[in-house]
């Protein structure tokens, strides 16, 4: 409930933060899979 209220208060900021978070996770996954491929 708290998260939903915050989302209503700052939808743009939250969307931007989530976008950056998702991008960071994708980058980490790409690096990780690349390292795994190199090791094996």
C-alpha atoms as a PDB file:
ATOM      1  CA  UNK A   1       0.000   0.000   0.000  1.00  0.00           C
ATOM      2  CA  UNK A   2       2.805   2.391   0.876  1.00  0.00           C
ATOM      3  CA  UNK A   3       4.572   1.691  -2.412  1.00  0.00           C
ATOM      4  CA  UNK A   4       1.395   2.307  -4.400  1.00  0.00           C
ATOM      5  CA  UNK A   5       0.858   5.649  -2.654  1.00  0.00           C
ATOM      6  CA  UNK A   6       4.440   6.701  -3.333  1.00  0.00           C
ATOM      7  CA  UNK A   7       4.058   5.644  -6.954  1.00  0.00           C
ATOM      8  CA  UNK A   8       1.046   7.950  -7.274  1.00  0.00           C
ATOM      9  CA  UNK A   9       2.967  10.803  -5.683  1.00  0.00           C
ATOM     10  CA  UNK A  10       6.107  10.453  -7.815  1.00  0.00           C
ATOM     11  CA  UNK A  11       5.256   8.336 -10.886  1.00  0.00           C
ATOM     12  CA  UNK A  12       7.884   9.883 -13.152  1.00  0.00           C
ATOM     13  CA  UNK A  13      10.755   9.622 -10.674  1.00  0.00           C
ATOM     14  CA  UNK A  14       9.855   6.033  -9.836  1.00  0.00           C
ATOM     15  CA  UNK A  15       9.593   5.022 -13.487  1.00  0.00           C
ATOM     16  CA  UNK A  16      12.999   6.550 -14.199  1.00  0.00           C
ATOM     17  CA  UNK A  17      14.551   4.830 -11.192  1.00  0.00           C
ATOM     18  CA  UNK A  18      13.026   1.488 -12.201  1.00  0.00           C
ATOM     19  CA  UNK A  19      14.275   1.945 -15.755  1.00  0.00           C
ATOM     20  CA  UNK A  20      17.834   2.572 -14.537  1.00  0.00           C
ATOM     21  CA  UNK A  21      17.561  -0.424 -12.199  1.00  0.00           C
ATOM     22  CA  UNK A  22      16.430  -2.727 -15.020  1.00  0.00           C
ATOM     23  CA  UNK A  23      19.206  -1.452 -17.294  1.00  0.00           C
ATOM     24  CA  UNK A  24      21.798  -2.130 -14.587  1.00  0.00           C
ATOM     25  CA  UNK A  25      20.473  -5.667 -14.072  1.00  0.00           C
ATOM     26  CA  UNK A  26      20.562  -6.369 -17.813  1.00  0.00           C
ATOM     27  CA  UNK A  27      24.147  -5.115 -18.003  1.00  0.00           C
ATOM     28  CA  UNK A  28      25.162  -7.297 -15.039  1.00  0.00           C
ATOM     29  CA  UNK A  29      23.498 -10.348 -16.599  1.00  0.00           C
ATOM     30  CA  UNK A  30      25.267  -9.729 -19.908  1.00  0.00           C
ATOM     31  CA  UNK A  31      28.650  -9.441 -18.224  1.00  0.00           C
ATOM     32  CA  UNK A  32      27.964 -12.493 -16.060  1.00  0.00           C
ATOM     33  CA  UNK A  33      26.931 -14.719 -18.972  1.00  0.00           C
ATOM     34  CA  UNK A  34      29.943 -13.499 -20.942  1.00  0.00           C
ATOM     35  CA  UNK A  35      32.295 -14.382 -18.082  1.00  0.00           C
ATOM     36  CA  UNK A  36      30.678 -17.799 -17.652  1.00  0.00           C
ATOM     37  CA  UNK A  37      31.044 -18.510 -21.365  1.00  0.00           C
ATOM     38  CA  UNK A  38      34.699 -17.544 -21.174  1.00  0.00           C
ATOM     39  CA  UNK A  39      35.373 -19.772 -18.142  1.00  0.00           C
ATOM     40  CA  UNK A  40      33.607 -22.863 -19.525  1.00  0.00           C
END
